[in-house]
Amino acid sequence: MSKFSYEIKAGKGINTIIFGCKRELLKQTLGEPTEKEIYNATEDEDYQTEDWHYDELETSFSFDEEDGWRLTTIATSSPEATIKGKKLIGLSVDEALAQTEGMDLGDNQLEDFSDEGENQKLISFLDTGINLWFENDVLSEIQWAVLWSDEDTPEWP
């Protein structure tokens, strides 16, 4: 594969990988994943998600059974990842908020998931489906997803 571009495309995907693609297409594009993981993403035992992890890309791709095993979510911890040309991994909460200020990502919401011994925060941009995950106040992962017209209808690109 040629050089992988880490430019995050909100609601669309990354590189040439577009939300809505099937597992077979991702495998043709990137090869066999380093690891596959299947789990129940919700309380519903019949609803499963399959994550494909590519360690060399520091990126994971999630396919949901409910959506016909199509790609719905991507997550990366690669320091090469960019949103609108800006690298964010490794920034503090305040630095990430300052960098995203003029990006038209929509309103954001900060949630604190910290508990004993773990300091974890999440900044969600609901309009663009982008989540910034922080561990010990350092951005460790960017997660983004297909956009939805309502809770049951994905807007495939």
Protein backbone atom coordinates (compact mmCIF):
# COMPACT_ATOMS: atom_id res chain seq x y z
CA MET A 1 0.00 0.00 0.00
CA SER A 2 1.20 3.51 -0.72
CA LYS A 3 1.81 5.98 2.12
CA PHE A 4 -1.18 6.10 4.44
CA SER A 5 -2.73 9.55 4.86
CA TYR A 6 -3.94 10.25 8.39
CA GLU A 7 -6.22 13.17 7.46
CA ILE A 8 -9.47 12.58 9.35
CA LYS A 9 -12.55 13.28 7.24
CA ALA A 10 -15.47 13.91 9.61
CA GLY A 11 -18.49 11.82 8.67
CA LYS A 12 -16.60 10.31 5.71
CA GLY A 13 -13.59 8.23 6.85
CA ILE A 14 -9.81 8.34 6.43
CA ASN A 15 -7.50 8.04 3.43
CA THR A 16 -9.47 6.11 0.77
CA ILE A 17 -11.44 4.21 3.43
CA ILE A 18 -15.01 5.48 3.53
CA PHE A 19 -17.72 4.81 6.12
CA GLY A 20 -20.13 2.18 4.87
CA CYS A 21 -17.48 -0.02 3.25
CA LYS A 22 -17.58 -3.76 3.93
CA ARG A 23 -14.90 -5.75 5.74
CA GLU A 24 -13.74 -7.39 2.49
CA LEU A 25 -12.94 -3.99 0.95
CA LEU A 26 -10.94 -2.91 4.00
CA LYS A 27 -9.01 -6.19 3.87
CA GLN A 28 -8.24 -5.62 0.15
CA THR A 29 -7.05 -2.09 0.95
CA LEU A 30 -5.02 -2.65 4.15
CA GLY A 31 -4.48 -6.40 4.31
CA GLU A 32 -5.21 -8.68 7.23
CA PRO A 33 -5.67 -6.82 10.54
CA THR A 34 -3.26 -7.42 13.43
CA GLU A 35 -6.20 -8.37 15.63
CA LYS A 36 -9.98 -8.83 15.35
CA GLU A 37 -12.32 -8.43 18.30
CA ILE A 38 -16.08 -9.15 18.41
CA TYR A 39 -18.21 -7.87 21.29
CA ASN A 40 -21.70 -6.71 22.20
CA ALA A 41 -21.65 -2.94 21.93
CA THR A 42 -24.96 -2.55 23.74
CA GLU A 43 -27.13 -4.41 26.24
CA ASP A 44 -28.71 -6.24 23.28
CA GLU A 45 -27.01 -9.65 23.03
CA ASP A 46 -27.93 -9.90 19.34
CA TYR A 47 -26.18 -6.67 18.38
CA GLN A 48 -22.47 -7.17 17.78
CA THR A 49 -19.56 -5.00 16.73
CA GLU A 50 -16.34 -6.26 15.17
CA ASP A 51 -13.17 -4.18 15.57
CA TRP A 52 -10.22 -4.61 13.24
CA HIS A 53 -6.96 -3.33 14.77
CA TYR A 54 -3.99 -2.40 12.59
CA ASP A 55 -1.09 -1.94 15.00
CA GLU A 56 1.32 -0.52 12.39
CA LEU A 57 -1.23 2.23 11.60
CA GLU A 58 -2.25 2.71 15.26
CA THR A 59 -5.79 2.67 13.91
CA SER A 60 -8.92 0.56 14.47
CA PHE A 61 -12.00 0.13 12.30
CA SER A 62 -15.41 -0.92 13.69
CA PHE A 63 -18.12 -2.75 11.77
CA ASP A 64 -21.64 -3.09 13.19
CA GLU A 65 -23.82 -6.13 12.58
CA GLU A 66 -26.95 -3.99 12.84
CA ASP A 67 -25.71 -1.97 9.83
CA GLY A 68 -24.91 -5.01 7.68
CA TRP A 69 -21.29 -5.25 8.91
CA ARG A 70 -20.47 -1.91 7.32
CA LEU A 71 -17.75 0.42 8.65
CA THR A 72 -19.30 2.84 11.16
CA THR A 73 -16.44 4.05 13.39
CA ILE A 74 -12.68 4.66 13.13
CA ALA A 75 -10.28 5.34 16.02
CA THR A 76 -6.61 6.28 15.88
CA SER A 77 -3.85 7.00 18.36
CA SER A 78 -1.30 7.84 15.65
CA PRO A 79 0.56 11.11 16.26
CA GLU A 80 0.40 11.58 12.46
CA ALA A 81 -3.41 11.92 12.53
CA THR A 82 -4.70 15.35 11.52
CA ILE A 83 -8.00 17.18 11.53
CA LYS A 84 -8.05 19.97 8.96
CA GLY A 85 -4.25 19.74 8.75
CA LYS A 86 -3.57 20.00 12.50
CA LYS A 87 -1.97 17.25 14.59
CA LEU A 88 -3.76 16.90 17.92
CA ILE A 89 -2.54 13.63 19.53
CA GLY A 90 -0.40 14.47 22.57
CA LEU A 91 -2.02 17.86 23.25
CA SER A 92 -3.59 18.81 26.58
CA VAL A 93 -7.35 19.38 26.90
CA ASP A 94 -6.87 23.17 26.72
CA GLU A 95 -4.46 22.95 23.77
CA ALA A 96 -6.82 20.65 21.84
CA LEU A 97 -9.77 22.96 22.48
CA ALA A 98 -7.71 25.94 21.27
CA GLN A 99 -6.60 24.06 18.12
CA THR A 100 -10.15 22.96 17.24
CA GLU A 101 -11.68 26.39 17.88
CA GLY A 102 -11.83 27.56 14.24
CA MET A 103 -12.41 24.18 12.60
CA ASP A 104 -16.22 24.30 12.35
CA LEU A 105 -16.58 20.98 14.18
CA GLY A 106 -19.70 22.20 16.00
CA ASP A 107 -20.35 22.67 19.68
CA ASN A 108 -18.39 20.45 22.02
CA GLN A 109 -19.19 18.73 25.26
CA LEU A 110 -16.57 17.80 27.89
CA GLU A 111 -17.22 14.72 30.02
CA ASP A 112 -15.07 13.47 32.88
CA PHE A 113 -14.87 9.68 33.23
CA SER A 114 -12.14 9.75 35.86
CA ASP A 115 -12.30 7.34 38.75
CA GLU A 116 -9.85 6.07 41.33
CA GLY A 117 -6.41 6.00 39.74
CA GLU A 118 -7.59 6.83 36.20
CA ASN A 119 -7.93 10.29 34.76
CA GLN A 120 -9.99 10.04 31.57
CA LYS A 121 -11.87 12.81 29.77
CA LEU A 122 -13.83 13.01 26.54
CA ILE A 123 -14.54 15.98 24.31
CA SER A 124 -17.39 15.19 21.90
CA PHE A 125 -18.26 17.20 18.81
CA LEU A 126 -21.76 15.86 18.19
CA ASP A 127 -22.38 17.68 14.87
CA THR A 128 -19.35 16.05 13.22
CA GLY A 129 -19.21 12.75 15.15
CA ILE A 130 -15.68 13.37 16.46
CA ASN A 131 -14.58 12.28 19.96
CA LEU A 132 -11.28 13.26 21.55
CA TRP A 133 -10.21 10.87 24.34
CA PHE A 134 -7.76 12.10 26.98
CA GLU A 135 -5.78 10.06 29.50
CA ASN A 136 -4.14 12.07 32.27
CA ASP A 137 -5.12 15.24 30.37
CA VAL A 138 -3.21 14.22 27.21
CA LEU A 139 -5.07 13.45 23.97
CA SER A 140 -4.49 9.74 23.37
CA GLU A 141 -7.13 8.81 20.78
CA ILE A 142 -9.35 10.40 18.16
CA GLN A 143 -12.53 8.55 17.30
CA TRP A 144 -15.00 9.50 14.57
CA ALA A 145 -18.05 7.94 13.01
CA VAL A 146 -20.55 8.01 10.22
CA LEU A 147 -23.14 10.76 10.73
CA TRP A 148 -26.75 9.85 11.45
CA SER A 149 -29.94 11.55 10.23
CA ASP A 150 -31.72 9.96 13.21
CA GLU A 151 -30.77 7.24 15.70
CA ASP A 152 -31.59 4.47 13.20
CA THR A 153 -30.46 5.95 9.87
CA PRO A 154 -26.78 6.37 8.96
CA GLU A 155 -25.89 8.96 6.30
CA TRP A 156 -23.44 6.89 4.27
CA PRO A 157 -21.01 9.09 2.33
